Amino acid sequence: KGRFTISRDNDKNTVYLQMNSLRPEDTAVYYCAASFRSSNY
C-alpha cells in the first residue's frame, strides 16, 4: 500500500501494476490472474 498501483484498461483487455519504491522483499515471480465467464485464468 502506498507503493504499488493497480489499474486496468478494459478497451485493451489489459491490467497494469505500477511498482514504485521497490524493495528486495518484493523479489518474486509475479502472476496475472483474471476471471472470465466463471473461470479463472
PDB file of all heavy atoms in Angstrom:
ATOM      1  N   LYS A   1       0.828  -1.202   0.000  1.00  0.00           N
ATOM      2  CA  LYS A   1       0.000   0.000   0.000  1.00  0.00           C
ATOM      3  C   LYS A   1       0.865   1.255   0.000  1.00  0.00           C
ATOM      4  O   LYS A   1       1.827   1.364   0.746  1.00  0.00           O
ATOM      5  CB  LYS A   1      -0.926   0.016   1.217  1.00  0.00           C
ATOM      6  CG  LYS A   1      -2.099  -0.930   1.117  1.00  0.00           C
ATOM      7  CD  LYS A   1      -3.014  -0.807   2.332  1.00  0.00           C
ATOM      8  CE  LYS A   1      -4.216  -1.718   2.200  1.00  0.00           C
ATOM      9  NZ  LYS A   1      -5.103  -1.638   3.388  1.00  0.00           N
ATOM     10  N   GLY A   2       0.508   2.179  -0.860  1.00  0.00           N
ATOM     11  CA  GLY A   2       1.255   3.413  -0.985  1.00  0.00           C
ATOM     12  C   GLY A   2       2.411   3.339  -1.946  1.00  0.00           C
ATOM     13  O   GLY A   2       2.988   4.380  -2.299  1.00  0.00           O
ATOM     14  N   ARG A   3       2.777   2.137  -2.365  1.00  0.00           N
ATOM     15  CA  ARG A   3       3.893   1.959  -3.288  1.00  0.00           C
ATOM     16  C   ARG A   3       3.451   1.414  -4.645  1.00  0.00           C
ATOM     17  O   ARG A   3       4.007   1.795  -5.677  1.00  0.00           O
ATOM     18  CB  ARG A   3       4.945   1.017  -2.699  1.00  0.00           C
ATOM     19  CG  ARG A   3       5.551   1.515  -1.394  1.00  0.00           C
ATOM     20  CD  ARG A   3       6.727   0.640  -0.969  1.00  0.00           C
ATOM     21  NE  ARG A   3       6.311  -0.742  -0.704  1.00  0.00           N
ATOM     22  CZ  ARG A   3       6.812  -1.800  -1.330  1.00  0.00           C
ATOM     23  NH1 ARG A   3       7.753  -1.657  -2.259  1.00  0.00           N
ATOM     24  NH2 ARG A   3       6.388  -3.023  -1.019  1.00  0.00           N
ATOM     25  N   PHE A   4       2.473   0.524  -4.635  1.00  0.00           N
ATOM     26  CA  PHE A   4       2.000  -0.107  -5.865  1.00  0.00           C
ATOM     27  C   PHE A   4       0.626   0.440  -6.227  1.00  0.00           C
ATOM     28  O   PHE A   4      -0.183   0.764  -5.355  1.00  0.00           O
ATOM     29  CB  PHE A   4       1.887  -1.621  -5.708  1.00  0.00           C
ATOM     30  CG  PHE A   4       3.188  -2.351  -5.554  1.00  0.00           C
ATOM     31  CD1 PHE A   4       4.390  -1.683  -5.378  1.00  0.00           C
ATOM     32  CD2 PHE A   4       3.198  -3.741  -5.586  1.00  0.00           C
ATOM     33  CE1 PHE A   4       5.590  -2.371  -5.227  1.00  0.00           C
ATOM     34  CE2 PHE A   4       4.386  -4.440  -5.445  1.00  0.00           C
ATOM     35  CZ  PHE A   4       5.578  -3.755  -5.266  1.00  0.00           C
ATOM     36  N   THR A   5       0.355   0.504  -7.517  1.00  0.00           N
ATOM     37  CA  THR A   5      -0.942   0.924  -8.010  1.00  0.00           C
ATOM     38  C   THR A   5      -1.393  -0.009  -9.120  1.00  0.00           C
ATOM     39  O   THR A   5      -0.665  -0.220 -10.089  1.00  0.00           O
ATOM     40  CB  THR A   5      -0.909   2.361  -8.543  1.00  0.00           C
ATOM     41  OG1 THR A   5      -0.465   3.259  -7.518  1.00  0.00           O
ATOM     42  CG2 THR A   5      -2.305   2.791  -8.992  1.00  0.00           C
ATOM     43  N   ILE A   6      -2.582  -0.555  -8.968  1.00  0.00           N
ATOM     44  CA  ILE A   6      -3.145  -1.406  -9.997  1.00  0.00           C
ATOM     45  C   ILE A   6      -4.157  -0.605 -10.804  1.00  0.00           C
ATOM     46  O   ILE A   6      -4.887   0.227 -10.264  1.00  0.00           O
ATOM     47  CB  ILE A   6      -3.794  -2.675  -9.401  1.00  0.00           C
ATOM     48  CG1 ILE A   6      -4.202  -3.651 -10.506  1.00  0.00           C
ATOM     49  CG2 ILE A   6      -4.981  -2.321  -8.510  1.00  0.00           C
ATOM     50  CD1 ILE A   6      -4.637  -5.018  -9.976  1.00  0.00           C
ATOM     51  N   SER A   7      -4.182  -0.833 -12.092  1.00  0.00           N
ATOM     52  CA  SER A   7      -5.127  -0.162 -12.964  1.00  0.00           C
ATOM     53  C   SER A   7      -5.464  -1.088 -14.121  1.00  0.00           C
ATOM     54  O   SER A   7      -4.802  -2.104 -14.337  1.00  0.00           O
ATOM     55  CB  SER A   7      -4.560   1.168 -13.474  1.00  0.00           C
ATOM     56  OG  SER A   7      -3.382   0.967 -14.228  1.00  0.00           O
ATOM     57  N   ARG A   8      -6.493  -0.740 -14.843  1.00  0.00           N
ATOM     58  CA  ARG A   8      -6.881  -1.571 -15.980  1.00  0.00           C
ATOM     59  C   ARG A   8      -7.421  -0.717 -17.106  1.00  0.00           C
ATOM     60  O   ARG A   8      -7.939   0.381 -16.895  1.00  0.00           O
ATOM     61  CB  ARG A   8      -7.919  -2.626 -15.560  1.00  0.00           C
ATOM     62  CG  ARG A   8      -9.248  -2.066 -15.071  1.00  0.00           C
ATOM     63  CD  ARG A   8     -10.110  -3.152 -14.439  1.00  0.00           C
ATOM     64  NE  ARG A   8     -10.597  -4.116 -15.416  1.00  0.00           N
ATOM     65  CZ  ARG A   8     -11.202  -5.263 -15.119  1.00  0.00           C
ATOM     66  NH1 ARG A   8     -11.372  -5.603 -13.834  1.00  0.00           N
ATOM     67  NH2 ARG A   8     -11.622  -6.070 -16.082  1.00  0.00           N
ATOM     68  N   ASP A   9      -7.290  -1.243 -18.291  1.00  0.00           N
ATOM     69  CA  ASP A   9      -7.817  -0.618 -19.489  1.00  0.00           C
ATOM     70  C   ASP A   9      -8.663  -1.677 -20.171  1.00  0.00           C
ATOM     71  O   ASP A   9      -8.140  -2.571 -20.839  1.00  0.00           O
ATOM     72  CB  ASP A   9      -6.685  -0.140 -20.403  1.00  0.00           C
ATOM     73  CG  ASP A   9      -7.196   0.643 -21.597  1.00  0.00           C
ATOM     74  OD1 ASP A   9      -8.355   0.459 -22.009  1.00  0.00           O
ATOM     75  OD2 ASP A   9      -6.412   1.458 -22.137  1.00  0.00           O
ATOM     76  N   ASN A  10      -9.949  -1.581 -19.977  1.00  0.00           N
ATOM     77  CA  ASN A  10     -10.843  -2.610 -20.497  1.00  0.00           C
ATOM     78  C   ASN A  10     -10.865  -2.652 -22.024  1.00  0.00           C
ATOM     79  O   ASN A  10     -11.075  -3.713 -22.610  1.00  0.00           O
ATOM     80  CB  ASN A  10     -12.256  -2.399 -19.954  1.00  0.00           C
ATOM     81  CG  ASN A  10     -12.358  -2.660 -18.473  1.00  0.00           C
ATOM     82  OD1 ASN A  10     -11.615  -3.476 -17.925  1.00  0.00           O
ATOM     83  ND2 ASN A  10     -13.279  -1.983 -17.802  1.00  0.00           N
ATOM     84  N   ASP A  11     -10.658  -1.507 -22.652  1.00  0.00           N
ATOM     85  CA  ASP A  11     -10.641  -1.479 -24.111  1.00  0.00           C
ATOM     86  C   ASP A  11      -9.454  -2.251 -24.672  1.00  0.00           C
ATOM     87  O   ASP A  11      -9.514  -2.760 -25.795  1.00  0.00           O
ATOM     88  CB  ASP A  11     -10.604  -0.045 -24.628  1.00  0.00           C
ATOM     89  CG  ASP A  11     -11.899   0.700 -24.362  1.00  0.00           C
ATOM     90  OD1 ASP A  11     -12.946   0.051 -24.189  1.00  0.00           O
ATOM     91  OD2 ASP A  11     -11.858   1.945 -24.333  1.00  0.00           O
ATOM     92  N   LYS A  12      -8.377  -2.324 -23.899  1.00  0.00           N
ATOM     93  CA  LYS A  12      -7.182  -3.043 -24.319  1.00  0.00           C
ATOM     94  C   LYS A  12      -7.058  -4.410 -23.659  1.00  0.00           C
ATOM     95  O   LYS A  12      -6.066  -5.107 -23.888  1.00  0.00           O
ATOM     96  CB  LYS A  12      -5.936  -2.220 -24.015  1.00  0.00           C
ATOM     97  CG  LYS A  12      -5.859  -0.899 -24.766  1.00  0.00           C
ATOM     98  CD  LYS A  12      -4.588  -0.139 -24.413  1.00  0.00           C
ATOM     99  CE  LYS A  12      -4.500   1.169 -25.171  1.00  0.00           C
ATOM    100  NZ  LYS A  12      -3.267   1.929 -24.813  1.00  0.00           N
ATOM    101  N   ASN A  13      -8.032  -4.770 -22.840  1.00  0.00           N
ATOM    102  CA  ASN A  13      -8.005  -6.043 -22.117  1.00  0.00           C
ATOM    103  C   ASN A  13      -6.708  -6.203 -21.331  1.00  0.00           C
ATOM    104  O   ASN A  13      -6.099  -7.280 -21.312  1.00  0.00           O
ATOM    105  CB  ASN A  13      -8.177  -7.221 -23.078  1.00  0.00           C
ATOM    106  CG  ASN A  13      -9.462  -7.145 -23.873  1.00  0.00           C
ATOM    107  OD1 ASN A  13     -10.528  -6.896 -23.315  1.00  0.00           O
ATOM    108  ND2 ASN A  13      -9.372  -7.363 -25.174  1.00  0.00           N
ATOM    109  N   THR A  14      -6.309  -5.144 -20.679  1.00  0.00           N
ATOM    110  CA  THR A  14      -5.011  -5.098 -20.031  1.00  0.00           C
ATOM    111  C   THR A  14      -5.123  -4.596 -18.599  1.00  0.00           C
ATOM    112  O   THR A  14      -5.909  -3.694 -18.305  1.00  0.00           O
ATOM    113  CB  THR A  14      -4.050  -4.184 -20.813  1.00  0.00           C
ATOM    114  OG1 THR A  14      -3.931  -4.661 -22.159  1.00  0.00           O
ATOM    115  CG2 THR A  14      -2.672  -4.172 -20.175  1.00  0.00           C
ATOM    116  N   VAL A  15      -4.336  -5.201 -17.728  1.00  0.00           N
ATOM    117  CA  VAL A  15      -4.215  -4.747 -16.356  1.00  0.00           C
ATOM    118  C   VAL A  15      -2.749  -4.425 -16.100  1.00  0.00           C
ATOM    119  O   VAL A  15      -1.856  -5.104 -16.608  1.00  0.00           O
ATOM    120  CB  VAL A  15      -4.754  -5.794 -15.353  1.00  0.00           C
ATOM    121  CG1 VAL A  15      -3.955  -7.089 -15.428  1.00  0.00           C
ATOM    122  CG2 VAL A  15      -4.760  -5.234 -13.939  1.00  0.00           C
ATOM    123  N   TYR A  16      -2.519  -3.385 -15.314  1.00  0.00           N
ATOM    124  CA  TYR A  16      -1.174  -2.921 -15.039  1.00  0.00           C
ATOM    125  C   TYR A  16      -0.898  -2.942 -13.546  1.00  0.00           C
ATOM    126  O   TYR A  16      -1.803  -2.855 -12.724  1.00  0.00           O
ATOM    127  CB  TYR A  16      -0.969  -1.487 -15.535  1.00  0.00           C
ATOM    128  CG  TYR A  16      -1.312  -1.265 -16.986  1.00  0.00           C
ATOM    129  CD1 TYR A  16      -2.571  -0.826 -17.365  1.00  0.00           C
ATOM    130  CD2 TYR A  16      -0.367  -1.481 -17.983  1.00  0.00           C
ATOM    131  CE1 TYR A  16      -2.888  -0.612 -18.696  1.00  0.00           C
ATOM    132  CE2 TYR A  16      -0.671  -1.273 -19.311  1.00  0.00           C
ATOM    133  CZ  TYR A  16      -1.936  -0.837 -19.662  1.00  0.00           C
ATOM    134  OH  TYR A  16      -2.243  -0.627 -20.988  1.00  0.00           O
ATOM    135  N   LEU A  17       0.359  -3.036 -13.214  1.00  0.00           N
ATOM    136  CA  LEU A  17       0.799  -2.875 -11.843  1.00  0.00           C
ATOM    137  C   LEU A  17       2.012  -1.964 -11.838  1.00  0.00           C
ATOM    138  O   LEU A  17       3.095  -2.369 -12.268  1.00  0.00           O
ATOM    139  CB  LEU A  17       1.146  -4.218 -11.194  1.00  0.00           C
ATOM    140  CG  LEU A  17       1.489  -4.155  -9.708  1.00  0.00           C
ATOM    141  CD1 LEU A  17       0.257  -3.760  -8.889  1.00  0.00           C
ATOM    142  CD2 LEU A  17       2.044  -5.488  -9.217  1.00  0.00           C
ATOM    143  N   GLN A  18       1.809  -0.740 -11.384  1.00  0.00           N
ATOM    144  CA  GLN A  18       2.901   0.201 -11.231  1.00  0.00           C
ATOM    145  C   GLN A  18       3.530  -0.020  -9.872  1.00  0.00           C
ATOM    146  O   GLN A  18       2.858   0.098  -8.845  1.00  0.00           O
ATOM    147  CB  GLN A  18       2.391   1.639 -11.356  1.00  0.00           C
ATOM    148  CG  GLN A  18       3.458   2.709 -11.166  1.00  0.00           C
ATOM    149  CD  GLN A  18       4.487   2.706 -12.266  1.00  0.00           C
ATOM    150  OE1 GLN A  18       4.146   2.602 -13.437  1.00  0.00           O
ATOM    151  NE2 GLN A  18       5.757   2.808 -11.894  1.00  0.00           N
ATOM    152  N   MET A  19       4.805  -0.344  -9.857  1.00  0.00           N
ATOM    153  CA  MET A  19       5.513  -0.654  -8.631  1.00  0.00           C
ATOM    154  C   MET A  19       6.599   0.384  -8.409  1.00  0.00           C
ATOM    155  O   MET A  19       7.568   0.459  -9.175  1.00  0.00           O
ATOM    156  CB  MET A  19       6.121  -2.059  -8.687  1.00  0.00           C
ATOM    157  CG  MET A  19       5.110  -3.155  -8.994  1.00  0.00           C
ATOM    158  SD  MET A  19       5.842  -4.811  -8.926  1.00  0.00           S
ATOM    159  CE  MET A  19       6.953  -4.705 -10.327  1.00  0.00           C
ATOM    160  N   ASN A  20       6.437   1.172  -7.373  1.00  0.00           N
ATOM    161  CA  ASN A  20       7.407   2.195  -7.019  1.00  0.00           C
ATOM    162  C   ASN A  20       8.098   1.833  -5.709  1.00  0.00           C
ATOM    163  O   ASN A  20       7.616   1.008  -4.937  1.00  0.00           O
ATOM    164  CB  ASN A  20       6.727   3.553  -6.872  1.00  0.00           C
ATOM    165  CG  ASN A  20       6.092   4.047  -8.151  1.00  0.00           C
ATOM    166  OD1 ASN A  20       6.573   3.763  -9.249  1.00  0.00           O
ATOM    167  ND2 ASN A  20       5.016   4.820  -8.021  1.00  0.00           N
ATOM    168  N   SER A  21       9.220   2.473  -5.473  1.00  0.00           N
ATOM    169  CA  SER A  21       9.974   2.272  -4.234  1.00  0.00           C
ATOM    170  C   SER A  21      10.193   0.797  -3.941  1.00  0.00           C
ATOM    171  O   SER A  21       9.962   0.322  -2.823  1.00  0.00           O
ATOM    172  CB  SER A  21       9.248   2.952  -3.064  1.00  0.00           C
ATOM    173  OG  SER A  21       9.067   4.330  -3.299  1.00  0.00           O
ATOM    174  N   LEU A  22      10.653   0.080  -4.925  1.00  0.00           N
ATOM    175  CA  LEU A  22      10.822  -1.360  -4.788  1.00  0.00           C
ATOM    176  C   LEU A  22      11.869  -1.716  -3.741  1.00  0.00           C
ATOM    177  O   LEU A  22      12.865  -1.007  -3.572  1.00  0.00           O
ATOM    178  CB  LEU A  22      11.182  -1.980  -6.130  1.00  0.00           C
ATOM    179  CG  LEU A  22       9.988  -2.115  -7.090  1.00  0.00           C
ATOM    180  CD1 LEU A  22      10.464  -2.342  -8.511  1.00  0.00           C
ATOM    181  CD2 LEU A  22       9.087  -3.260  -6.640  1.00  0.00           C
ATOM    182  N   ARG A  23      11.620  -2.806  -3.069  1.00  0.00           N
ATOM    183  CA  ARG A  23      12.484  -3.314  -2.007  1.00  0.00           C
ATOM    184  C   ARG A  23      12.901  -4.739  -2.324  1.00  0.00           C
ATOM    185  O   ARG A  23      12.214  -5.438  -3.067  1.00  0.00           O
ATOM    186  CB  ARG A  23      11.740  -3.300  -0.673  1.00  0.00           C
ATOM    187  CG  ARG A  23      11.126  -1.964  -0.292  1.00  0.00           C
ATOM    188  CD  ARG A  23      10.124  -2.145   0.829  1.00  0.00           C
ATOM    189  NE  ARG A  23       9.512  -0.880   1.221  1.00  0.00           N
ATOM    190  CZ  ARG A  23       8.457  -0.778   2.008  1.00  0.00           C
ATOM    191  NH1 ARG A  23       7.887  -1.864   2.511  1.00  0.00           N
ATOM    192  NH2 ARG A  23       7.972   0.428   2.312  1.00  0.00           N
ATOM    193  N   PRO A  24      14.000  -5.204  -1.763  1.00  0.00           N
ATOM    194  CA  PRO A  24      14.417  -6.591  -2.007  1.00  0.00           C
ATOM    195  C   PRO A  24      13.336  -7.607  -1.662  1.00  0.00           C
ATOM    196  O   PRO A  24      13.237  -8.642  -2.332  1.00  0.00           O
ATOM    197  CB  PRO A  24      15.643  -6.744  -1.107  1.00  0.00           C
ATOM    198  CG  PRO A  24      16.221  -5.371  -1.043  1.00  0.00           C
ATOM    199  CD  PRO A  24      15.026  -4.457  -1.011  1.00  0.00           C
ATOM    200  N   GLU A  25      12.524  -7.334  -0.653  1.00  0.00           N
ATOM    201  CA  GLU A  25      11.473  -8.263  -0.278  1.00  0.00           C
ATOM    202  C   GLU A  25      10.344  -8.341  -1.293  1.00  0.00           C
ATOM    203  O   GLU A  25       9.458  -9.192  -1.177  1.00  0.00           O
ATOM    204  CB  GLU A  25      10.907  -7.926   1.110  1.00  0.00           C
ATOM    205  CG  GLU A  25      10.494  -6.479   1.268  1.00  0.00           C
ATOM    206  CD  GLU A  25      11.565  -5.633   1.939  1.00  0.00           C
ATOM    207  OE1 GLU A  25      12.758  -5.783   1.584  1.00  0.00           O
ATOM    208  OE2 GLU A  25      11.217  -4.822   2.824  1.00  0.00           O
ATOM    209  N   ASP A  26      10.355  -7.465  -2.288  1.00  0.00           N
ATOM    210  CA  ASP A  26       9.393  -7.548  -3.379  1.00  0.00           C
ATOM    211  C   ASP A  26       9.813  -8.567  -4.431  1.00  0.00           C
ATOM    212  O   ASP A  26       9.042  -8.847  -5.359  1.00  0.00           O
ATOM    213  CB  ASP A  26       9.211  -6.189  -4.044  1.00  0.00           C
ATOM    214  CG  ASP A  26       8.581  -5.158  -3.122  1.00  0.00           C
ATOM    215  OD1 ASP A  26       7.629  -5.510  -2.395  1.00  0.00           O
ATOM    216  OD2 ASP A  26       9.036  -3.992  -3.140  1.00  0.00           O
ATOM    217  N   THR A  27      11.008  -9.089  -4.314  1.00  0.00           N
ATOM    218  CA  THR A  27      11.504 -10.060  -5.274  1.00  0.00           C
ATOM    219  C   THR A  27      10.614 -11.298  -5.285  1.00  0.00           C
ATOM    220  O   THR A  27      10.383 -11.925  -4.250  1.00  0.00           O
ATOM    221  CB  THR A  27      12.949 -10.458  -4.944  1.00  0.00           C
ATOM    222  OG1 THR A  27      13.803  -9.319  -5.091  1.00  0.00           O
ATOM    223  CG2 THR A  27      13.431 -11.563  -5.873  1.00  0.00           C
ATOM    224  N   ALA A  28      10.116 -11.647  -6.453  1.00  0.00           N
ATOM    225  CA  ALA A  28       9.212 -12.778  -6.596  1.00  0.00           C
ATOM    226  C   ALA A  28       8.849 -12.942  -8.062  1.00  0.00           C
ATOM    227  O   ALA A  28       9.135 -12.078  -8.890  1.00  0.00           O
ATOM    228  CB  ALA A  28       7.940 -12.571  -5.766  1.00  0.00           C
ATOM    229  N   VAL A  29       8.207 -14.053  -8.348  1.00  0.00           N
ATOM    230  CA  VAL A  29       7.555 -14.216  -9.634  1.00  0.00           C
ATOM    231  C   VAL A  29       6.158 -13.638  -9.501  1.00  0.00           C
ATOM    232  O   VAL A  29       5.404 -14.017  -8.604  1.00  0.00           O
ATOM    233  CB  VAL A  29       7.492 -15.691 -10.072  1.00  0.00           C
ATOM    234  CG1 VAL A  29       6.731 -15.821 -11.388  1.00  0.00           C
ATOM    235  CG2 VAL A  29       8.895 -16.261 -10.223  1.00  0.00           C
ATOM    236  N   TYR A  30       5.824 -12.733 -10.374  1.00  0.00           N
ATOM    237  CA  TYR A  30       4.525 -12.077 -10.347  1.00  0.00           C
ATOM    238  C   TYR A  30       3.614 -12.688 -11.402  1.00  0.00           C
ATOM    239  O   TYR A  30       3.989 -12.814 -12.567  1.00  0.00           O
ATOM    240  CB  TYR A  30       4.682 -10.573 -10.588  1.00  0.00           C
ATOM    241  CG  TYR A  30       5.212  -9.837  -9.390  1.00  0.00           C
ATOM    242  CD1 TYR A  30       6.529  -9.995  -8.980  1.00  0.00           C
ATOM    243  CD2 TYR A  30       4.379  -8.998  -8.642  1.00  0.00           C
ATOM    244  CE1 TYR A  30       7.011  -9.346  -7.859  1.00  0.00           C
ATOM    245  CE2 TYR A  30       4.853  -8.334  -7.526  1.00  0.00           C
ATOM    246  CZ  TYR A  30       6.171  -8.512  -7.137  1.00  0.00           C
ATOM    247  OH  TYR A  30       6.647  -7.854  -6.025  1.00  0.00           O
ATOM    248  N   TYR A  31       2.418 -13.053 -10.970  1.00  0.00           N
ATOM    249  CA  TYR A  31       1.450 -13.697 -11.838  1.00  0.00           C
ATOM    250  C   TYR A  31       0.218 -12.828 -12.008  1.00  0.00           C
ATOM    251  O   TYR A  31      -0.297 -12.266 -11.044  1.00  0.00           O
ATOM    252  CB  TYR A  31       1.005 -15.041 -11.256  1.00  0.00           C
ATOM    253  CG  TYR A  31       2.110 -16.058 -11.110  1.00  0.00           C
ATOM    254  CD1 TYR A  31       2.855 -16.135  -9.938  1.00  0.00           C
ATOM    255  CD2 TYR A  31       2.394 -16.950 -12.137  1.00  0.00           C
ATOM    256  CE1 TYR A  31       3.858 -17.072  -9.795  1.00  0.00           C
ATOM    257  CE2 TYR A  31       3.395 -17.889 -12.003  1.00  0.00           C
ATOM    258  CZ  TYR A  31       4.126 -17.950 -10.830  1.00  0.00           C
ATOM    259  OH  TYR A  31       5.124 -18.880 -10.688  1.00  0.00           O
ATOM    260  N   CYS A  32      -0.251 -12.761 -13.211  1.00  0.00           N
ATOM    261  CA  CYS A  32      -1.502 -12.089 -13.516  1.00  0.00           C
ATOM    262  C   CYS A  32      -2.634 -13.100 -13.449  1.00  0.00           C
ATOM    263  O   CYS A  32      -2.475 -14.258 -13.863  1.00  0.00           O
ATOM    264  CB  CYS A  32      -1.421 -11.468 -14.913  1.00  0.00           C
ATOM    265  SG  CYS A  32      -2.940 -10.682 -15.492  1.00  0.00           S
ATOM    266  N   ALA A  33      -3.764 -12.681 -12.921  1.00  0.00           N
ATOM    267  CA  ALA A  33      -4.933 -13.539 -12.850  1.00  0.00           C
ATOM    268  C   ALA A  33      -6.170 -12.745 -13.239  1.00  0.00           C
ATOM    269  O   ALA A  33      -6.237 -11.541 -13.014  1.00  0.00           O
ATOM    270  CB  ALA A  33      -5.105 -14.113 -11.444  1.00  0.00           C
ATOM    271  N   ALA A  34      -7.130 -13.442 -13.808  1.00  0.00           N
ATOM    272  CA  ALA A  34      -8.358 -12.781 -14.224  1.00  0.00           C
ATOM    273  C   ALA A  34      -9.494 -13.777 -14.273  1.00  0.00           C
ATOM    274  O   ALA A  34      -9.282 -14.974 -14.491  1.00  0.00           O
ATOM    275  CB  ALA A  34      -8.179 -12.122 -15.593  1.00  0.00           C
ATOM    276  N   SER A  35     -10.673 -13.281 -14.063  1.00  0.00           N
ATOM    277  CA  SER A  35     -11.871 -14.107 -14.164  1.00  0.00           C
ATOM    278  C   SER A  35     -12.643 -13.746 -15.421  1.00  0.00           C
ATOM    279  O   SER A  35     -12.709 -12.584 -15.825  1.00  0.00           O
ATOM    280  CB  SER A  35     -12.760 -13.927 -12.931  1.00  0.00           C
ATOM    281  OG  SER A  35     -13.227 -12.591 -12.838  1.00  0.00           O
ATOM    282  N   PHE A  36     -13.201 -14.765 -16.036  1.00  0.00           N
ATOM    283  CA  PHE A  36     -13.971 -14.586 -17.249  1.00  0.00           C
ATOM    284  C   PHE A  36     -14.930 -15.758 -17.393  1.00  0.00           C
ATOM    285  O   PHE A  36     -14.502 -16.913 -17.390  1.00  0.00           O
ATOM    286  CB  PHE A  36     -13.055 -14.494 -18.475  1.00  0.00           C
ATOM    287  CG  PHE A  36     -13.788 -14.340 -19.776  1.00  0.00           C
ATOM    288  CD1 PHE A  36     -14.526 -13.206 -20.043  1.00  0.00           C
ATOM    289  CD2 PHE A  36     -13.735 -15.334 -20.742  1.00  0.00           C
ATOM    290  CE1 PHE A  36     -15.203 -13.050 -21.239  1.00  0.00           C
ATOM    291  CE2 PHE A  36     -14.401 -15.198 -21.946  1.00  0.00           C
ATOM    292  CZ  PHE A  36     -15.139 -14.050 -22.194  1.00  0.00           C
ATOM    293  N   ARG A  37     -16.196 -15.453 -17.474  1.00  0.00           N
ATOM    294  CA  ARG A  37     -17.236 -16.473 -17.640  1.00  0.00           C
ATOM    295  C   ARG A  37     -17.110 -17.588 -16.602  1.00  0.00           C
ATOM    296  O   ARG A  37     -17.081 -18.770 -16.928  1.00  0.00           O
ATOM    297  CB  ARG A  37     -17.209 -17.043 -19.056  1.00  0.00           C
ATOM    298  CG  ARG A  37     -17.600 -16.030 -20.115  1.00  0.00           C
ATOM    299  CD  ARG A  37     -17.654 -16.661 -21.495  1.00  0.00           C
ATOM    300  NE  ARG A  37     -18.140 -15.728 -22.494  1.00  0.00           N
ATOM    301  CZ  ARG A  37     -18.272 -16.013 -23.777  1.00  0.00           C
ATOM    302  NH1 ARG A  37     -17.963 -17.234 -24.218  1.00  0.00           N
ATOM    303  NH2 ARG A  37     -18.715 -15.089 -24.614  1.00  0.00           N
ATOM    304  N   SER A  38     -17.024 -17.194 -15.366  1.00  0.00           N
ATOM    305  CA  SER A  38     -16.988 -18.100 -14.222  1.00  0.00           C
ATOM    306  C   SER A  38     -15.728 -18.959 -14.148  1.00  0.00           C
ATOM    307  O   SER A  38     -15.677 -19.911 -13.370  1.00  0.00           O
ATOM    308  CB  SER A  38     -18.217 -19.004 -14.207  1.00  0.00           C
ATOM    309  OG  SER A  38     -19.407 -18.236 -14.150  1.00  0.00           O
ATOM    310  N   SER A  39     -14.728 -18.636 -14.933  1.00  0.00           N
ATOM    311  CA  SER A  39     -13.459 -19.349 -14.899  1.00  0.00           C
ATOM    312  C   SER A  39     -12.336 -18.398 -14.526  1.00  0.00           C
ATOM    313  O   SER A  39     -12.402 -17.201 -14.811  1.00  0.00           O
ATOM    314  CB  SER A  39     -13.152 -19.998 -16.251  1.00  0.00           C
ATOM    315  OG  SER A  39     -14.113 -20.974 -16.577  1.00  0.00           O
ATOM    316  N   ASN A  40     -11.327 -18.939 -13.889  1.00  0.00           N
ATOM    317  CA  ASN A  40     -10.149 -18.170 -13.513  1.00  0.00           C
ATOM    318  C   ASN A  40      -8.989 -18.533 -14.427  1.00  0.00           C
ATOM    319  O   ASN A  40      -8.751 -19.706 -14.720  1.00  0.00           O
ATOM    320  CB  ASN A  40      -9.765 -18.439 -12.063  1.00  0.00           C
ATOM    321  CG  ASN A  40     -10.835 -17.984 -11.090  1.00  0.00           C
ATOM    322  OD1 ASN A  40     -11.430 -16.930 -11.267  1.00  0.00           O
ATOM    323  ND2 ASN A  40     -11.068 -18.781 -10.056  1.00  0.00           N
ATOM    324  N   TYR A  41      -8.258 -17.523 -14.842  1.00  0.00           N
ATOM    325  CA  TYR A  41      -7.132 -17.720 -15.741  1.00  0.00           C
ATOM    326  C   TYR A  41      -5.872 -17.133 -15.120  1.00  0.00           C
ATOM    327  O   TYR A  41      -5.921 -16.138 -14.396  1.00  0.00           O
ATOM    328  CB  TYR A  41      -7.407 -17.062 -17.095  1.00  0.00           C
ATOM    329  CG  TYR A  41      -8.601 -17.658 -17.801  1.00  0.00           C
ATOM    330  CD1 TYR A  41      -9.886 -17.173 -17.558  1.00  0.00           C
ATOM    331  CD2 TYR A  41      -8.453 -18.714 -18.690  1.00  0.00           C
ATOM    332  CE1 TYR A  41     -10.983 -17.727 -18.182  1.00  0.00           C
ATOM    333  CE2 TYR A  41      -9.552 -19.271 -19.323  1.00  0.00           C
ATOM    334  CZ  TYR A  41     -10.810 -18.778 -19.072  1.00  0.00           C
ATOM    335  OH  TYR A  41     -11.906 -19.333 -19.697  1.00  0.00           O
TER     336      TYR A  41
END
